[in-house]
Amino acid sequence: MLGVSSVSVIEDQMVLTFSDVQSGSDFVQVVFGQMAESAVNVDMISLIPDQSASYSLALTTSNQYYPQLMQLLGSLRGRFPQVKFGISDGYAKVISAGEEMKSQPGVAAAVITAVRRSGVDIQMITTSETDISLLVQSVHADTVKSALEG
């Protein structure tokens, strides 16, 4: 595929979502600080403002951190009672990588088109100069990997 030299899959991923986070609060700093203290490795991160004075935060991590996250969510509920929390598992991260992505326009379009043609919904996307990471339901990870390698 255009600009992609390798495709890999990381299984056993979960998503944490936080909504109704008030702008100007120290919520994000507290969340990431407590995760660091609990030795939780965070991967994909998305911060989305809404139409009011609040935002939503979504992030992924390995299922292995579930016990630490449950403890963390308990402490956050007391400090930030207005924030709504969600946690769900059953995800995999499919990573398309290639050095050519640095200078090749259209790689993301090709990756997203291939996944869409496979009939799989993308749950989250993050990118860097040399990779595109897609979060999908675990049951569809092999389908997505095949679509990107084909």
C-alpha atoms as a PDB file:
ATOM      1  CA  MET A   1       0.000   0.000   0.000  1.00  0.00           C
ATOM      2  CA  LEU A   2       1.103   3.555  -0.714  1.00  0.00           C
ATOM      3  CA  GLY A   3       3.671   4.596   1.913  1.00  0.00           C
ATOM      4  CA  VAL A   4       3.107   1.562   4.164  1.00  0.00           C
ATOM      5  CA  SER A   5       5.957  -0.910   4.607  1.00  0.00           C
ATOM      6  CA  SER A   6       4.622  -2.855   7.615  1.00  0.00           C
ATOM      7  CA  VAL A   7       1.363  -3.548   9.429  1.00  0.00           C
ATOM      8  CA  SER A   8       1.209  -4.861  12.988  1.00  0.00           C
ATOM      9  CA  VAL A   9      -1.484  -5.514  15.592  1.00  0.00           C
ATOM     10  CA  ILE A  10      -1.473  -4.950  19.346  1.00  0.00           C
ATOM     11  CA  GLU A  11      -4.313  -6.844  21.040  1.00  0.00           C
ATOM     12  CA  ASP A  12      -5.929  -6.480  24.473  1.00  0.00           C
ATOM     13  CA  GLN A  13      -6.562  -2.746  24.389  1.00  0.00           C
ATOM     14  CA  MET A  14      -9.168  -0.799  26.341  1.00  0.00           C
ATOM     15  CA  VAL A  15     -10.572   2.695  26.022  1.00  0.00           C
ATOM     16  CA  LEU A  16     -11.167   5.155  28.840  1.00  0.00           C
ATOM     17  CA  THR A  17     -13.471   8.067  28.158  1.00  0.00           C
ATOM     18  CA  PHE A  18     -14.092  11.142  30.257  1.00  0.00           C
ATOM     19  CA  SER A  19     -16.796  13.648  29.329  1.00  0.00           C
ATOM     20  CA  ASP A  20     -18.129  16.880  30.813  1.00  0.00           C
ATOM     21  CA  VAL A  21     -14.631  17.919  31.866  1.00  0.00           C
ATOM     22  CA  GLN A  22     -14.700  21.632  32.664  1.00  0.00           C
ATOM     23  CA  SER A  23     -12.306  23.796  30.674  1.00  0.00           C
ATOM     24  CA  GLY A  24      -9.675  25.350  32.887  1.00  0.00           C
ATOM     25  CA  SER A  25      -9.716  22.501  35.401  1.00  0.00           C
ATOM     26  CA  ASP A  26      -6.616  20.521  36.287  1.00  0.00           C
ATOM     27  CA  PHE A  27      -8.351  17.247  35.362  1.00  0.00           C
ATOM     28  CA  VAL A  28      -5.991  16.210  32.552  1.00  0.00           C
ATOM     29  CA  GLN A  29      -2.917  16.975  34.651  1.00  0.00           C
ATOM     30  CA  VAL A  30      -4.339  14.956  37.559  1.00  0.00           C
ATOM     31  CA  VAL A  31      -5.336  11.993  35.351  1.00  0.00           C
ATOM     32  CA  PHE A  32      -1.957  11.679  33.670  1.00  0.00           C
ATOM     33  CA  GLY A  33      -0.094  12.326  36.917  1.00  0.00           C
ATOM     34  CA  GLN A  34      -1.984   9.558  38.715  1.00  0.00           C
ATOM     35  CA  MET A  35      -1.519   7.194  35.784  1.00  0.00           C
ATOM     36  CA  ALA A  36       2.220   7.838  35.842  1.00  0.00           C
ATOM     37  CA  GLU A  37       2.329   7.213  39.596  1.00  0.00           C
ATOM     38  CA  SER A  38       0.412   3.951  39.067  1.00  0.00           C
ATOM     39  CA  ALA A  39       2.809   2.911  36.258  1.00  0.00           C
ATOM     40  CA  VAL A  40      -0.007   2.856  33.684  1.00  0.00           C
ATOM     41  CA  ASN A  41       1.292   3.233  30.131  1.00  0.00           C
ATOM     42  CA  VAL A  42      -1.093   5.334  28.024  1.00  0.00           C
ATOM     43  CA  ASP A  43      -1.099   5.066  24.247  1.00  0.00           C
ATOM     44  CA  MET A  44      -3.602   6.816  21.978  1.00  0.00           C
ATOM     45  CA  ILE A  45      -4.921  10.142  23.342  1.00  0.00           C
ATOM     46  CA  SER A  46      -7.729  12.339  22.027  1.00  0.00           C
ATOM     47  CA  LEU A  47      -8.909  15.600  23.613  1.00  0.00           C
ATOM     48  CA  ILE A  48     -12.065  17.050  22.072  1.00  0.00           C
ATOM     49  CA  PRO A  49     -13.694  20.383  22.981  1.00  0.00           C
ATOM     50  CA  ASP A  50     -17.470  20.508  22.807  1.00  0.00           C
ATOM     51  CA  GLN A  51     -19.765  23.458  22.148  1.00  0.00           C
ATOM     52  CA  SER A  52     -19.827  24.576  25.785  1.00  0.00           C
ATOM     53  CA  ALA A  53     -17.074  25.253  28.302  1.00  0.00           C
ATOM     54  CA  SER A  54     -16.126  21.597  28.593  1.00  0.00           C
ATOM     55  CA  TYR A  55     -14.365  18.846  26.689  1.00  0.00           C
ATOM     56  CA  SER A  56     -14.025  15.089  26.401  1.00  0.00           C
ATOM     57  CA  LEU A  57     -10.896  12.991  26.784  1.00  0.00           C
ATOM     58  CA  ALA A  58     -10.390   9.492  25.386  1.00  0.00           C
ATOM     59  CA  LEU A  59      -7.306   7.342  25.727  1.00  0.00           C
ATOM     60  CA  THR A  60      -6.220   3.769  25.217  1.00  0.00           C
ATOM     61  CA  THR A  61      -4.119   1.458  27.321  1.00  0.00           C
ATOM     62  CA  SER A  62      -3.515  -2.247  27.782  1.00  0.00           C
ATOM     63  CA  ASN A  63      -6.097  -4.398  29.552  1.00  0.00           C
ATOM     64  CA  GLN A  64      -3.339  -5.382  32.002  1.00  0.00           C
ATOM     65  CA  TYR A  65      -3.812  -2.026  33.763  1.00  0.00           C
ATOM     66  CA  TYR A  66      -7.483  -2.595  34.596  1.00  0.00           C
ATOM     67  CA  PRO A  67      -6.968  -2.950  38.403  1.00  0.00           C
ATOM     68  CA  GLN A  68      -4.934   0.275  38.612  1.00  0.00           C
ATOM     69  CA  LEU A  69      -7.478   2.122  36.485  1.00  0.00           C
ATOM     70  CA  MET A  70     -10.414   1.061  38.636  1.00  0.00           C
ATOM     71  CA  GLN A  71      -8.605   2.448  41.676  1.00  0.00           C
ATOM     72  CA  LEU A  72      -7.756   5.638  39.781  1.00  0.00           C
ATOM     73  CA  LEU A  73     -11.349   6.135  38.621  1.00  0.00           C
ATOM     74  CA  GLY A  74     -12.535   5.777  42.203  1.00  0.00           C
ATOM     75  CA  SER A  75     -10.289   8.599  43.380  1.00  0.00           C
ATOM     76  CA  LEU A  76     -11.200  10.802  40.396  1.00  0.00           C
ATOM     77  CA  ARG A  77     -14.930  10.465  41.095  1.00  0.00           C
ATOM     78  CA  GLY A  78     -14.472  12.118  44.473  1.00  0.00           C
ATOM     79  CA  ARG A  79     -12.384  14.987  43.151  1.00  0.00           C
ATOM     80  CA  PHE A  80     -14.282  15.588  39.870  1.00  0.00           C
ATOM     81  CA  PRO A  81     -17.915  14.546  40.503  1.00  0.00           C
ATOM     82  CA  GLN A  82     -19.252  16.264  37.351  1.00  0.00           C
ATOM     83  CA  VAL A  83     -17.037  14.206  35.023  1.00  0.00           C
ATOM     84  CA  LYS A  84     -18.632  11.152  33.414  1.00  0.00           C
ATOM     85  CA  PHE A  85     -16.337   8.114  33.114  1.00  0.00           C
ATOM     86  CA  GLY A  86     -16.446   5.150  30.775  1.00  0.00           C
ATOM     87  CA  ILE A  87     -14.216   2.134  30.317  1.00  0.00           C
ATOM     88  CA  SER A  88     -14.555  -0.522  27.630  1.00  0.00           C
ATOM     89  CA  ASP A  89     -12.377  -3.333  26.363  1.00  0.00           C
ATOM     90  CA  GLY A  90     -12.319  -5.608  23.343  1.00  0.00           C
ATOM     91  CA  TYR A  91     -10.115  -3.458  21.134  1.00  0.00           C
ATOM     92  CA  ALA A  92      -6.934  -3.869  19.122  1.00  0.00           C
ATOM     93  CA  LYS A  93      -4.584  -1.294  17.673  1.00  0.00           C
ATOM     94  CA  VAL A  94      -3.566  -1.809  14.045  1.00  0.00           C
ATOM     95  CA  ILE A  95      -0.413   0.086  13.126  1.00  0.00           C
ATOM     96  CA  SER A  96       0.566   0.956   9.553  1.00  0.00           C
ATOM     97  CA  ALA A  97       4.174   2.121   9.423  1.00  0.00           C
ATOM     98  CA  GLY A  98       6.528   3.408   6.774  1.00  0.00           C
ATOM     99  CA  GLU A  99       9.354   5.918   6.482  1.00  0.00           C
ATOM    100  CA  GLU A 100       7.836   7.096   3.185  1.00  0.00           C
ATOM    101  CA  MET A 101       4.907   8.631   5.097  1.00  0.00           C
ATOM    102  CA  LYS A 102       7.100  11.622   5.937  1.00  0.00           C
ATOM    103  CA  SER A 103       7.014  12.846   2.347  1.00  0.00           C
ATOM    104  CA  GLN A 104       4.140  10.954   0.713  1.00  0.00           C
ATOM    105  CA  PRO A 105       0.748  12.729   0.709  1.00  0.00           C
ATOM    106  CA  GLY A 106      -2.361  10.555   0.737  1.00  0.00           C
ATOM    107  CA  VAL A 107      -1.201   7.679   2.938  1.00  0.00           C
ATOM    108  CA  ALA A 108      -3.872   8.318   5.583  1.00  0.00           C
ATOM    109  CA  ALA A 109      -6.523   8.513   2.860  1.00  0.00           C
ATOM    110  CA  ALA A 110      -5.384   5.176   1.418  1.00  0.00           C
ATOM    111  CA  VAL A 111      -5.332   3.514   4.853  1.00  0.00           C
ATOM    112  CA  ILE A 112      -8.768   4.808   5.841  1.00  0.00           C
ATOM    113  CA  THR A 113     -10.243   3.878   2.449  1.00  0.00           C
ATOM    114  CA  ALA A 114      -8.873   0.324   2.689  1.00  0.00           C
ATOM    115  CA  VAL A 115     -10.348  -0.122   6.166  1.00  0.00           C
ATOM    116  CA  ARG A 116     -13.696   1.327   5.117  1.00  0.00           C
ATOM    117  CA  ARG A 117     -13.834  -1.030   2.120  1.00  0.00           C
ATOM    118  CA  SER A 118     -13.254  -3.946   4.498  1.00  0.00           C
ATOM    119  CA  GLY A 119     -16.475  -2.961   6.287  1.00  0.00           C
ATOM    120  CA  VAL A 120     -14.818  -2.245   9.638  1.00  0.00           C
ATOM    121  CA  ASP A 121     -15.507   0.879  11.688  1.00  0.00           C
ATOM    122  CA  ILE A 122     -12.511   2.766  13.040  1.00  0.00           C
ATOM    123  CA  GLN A 123     -12.938   3.751  16.691  1.00  0.00           C
ATOM    124  CA  MET A 124      -9.935   6.078  17.050  1.00  0.00           C
ATOM    125  CA  ILE A 125      -7.013   7.291  14.924  1.00  0.00           C
ATOM    126  CA  THR A 126      -3.633   8.696  15.920  1.00  0.00           C
ATOM    127  CA  THR A 127      -0.664   9.443  13.702  1.00  0.00           C
ATOM    128  CA  SER A 128       2.995  10.360  13.743  1.00  0.00           C
ATOM    129  CA  GLU A 129       5.391  11.117  10.916  1.00  0.00           C
ATOM    130  CA  THR A 130       5.922   7.431  10.228  1.00  0.00           C
ATOM    131  CA  ASP A 131       2.833   5.580  11.443  1.00  0.00           C
ATOM    132  CA  ILE A 132      -0.942   5.572  11.486  1.00  0.00           C
ATOM    133  CA  SER A 133      -2.555   3.769  14.422  1.00  0.00           C
ATOM    134  CA  LEU A 134      -6.163   2.653  14.167  1.00  0.00           C
ATOM    135  CA  LEU A 135      -8.215   1.377  17.078  1.00  0.00           C
ATOM    136  CA  VAL A 136     -10.754  -1.255  16.013  1.00  0.00           C
ATOM    137  CA  GLN A 137     -12.777  -3.922  17.734  1.00  0.00           C
ATOM    138  CA  SER A 138     -10.516  -6.926  18.358  1.00  0.00           C
ATOM    139  CA  VAL A 139     -12.737  -9.258  16.360  1.00  0.00           C
ATOM    140  CA  HIS A 140     -11.942  -7.168  13.250  1.00  0.00           C
ATOM    141  CA  ALA A 141      -8.180  -6.735  13.728  1.00  0.00           C
ATOM    142  CA  ASP A 142      -7.182  -9.494  11.289  1.00  0.00           C
ATOM    143  CA  THR A 143      -9.618  -8.176   8.671  1.00  0.00           C
ATOM    144  CA  VAL A 144      -8.104  -4.697   8.949  1.00  0.00           C
ATOM    145  CA  LYS A 145      -4.538  -6.045   8.864  1.00  0.00           C
ATOM    146  CA  SER A 146      -5.328  -8.047   5.713  1.00  0.00           C
ATOM    147  CA  ALA A 147      -6.974  -5.028   4.076  1.00  0.00           C
ATOM    148  CA  LEU A 148      -3.893  -2.916   4.741  1.00  0.00           C
ATOM    149  CA  GLU A 149      -1.467  -5.578   3.534  1.00  0.00           C
ATOM    150  CA  GLY A 150      -3.481  -6.350   0.392  1.00  0.00           C
END
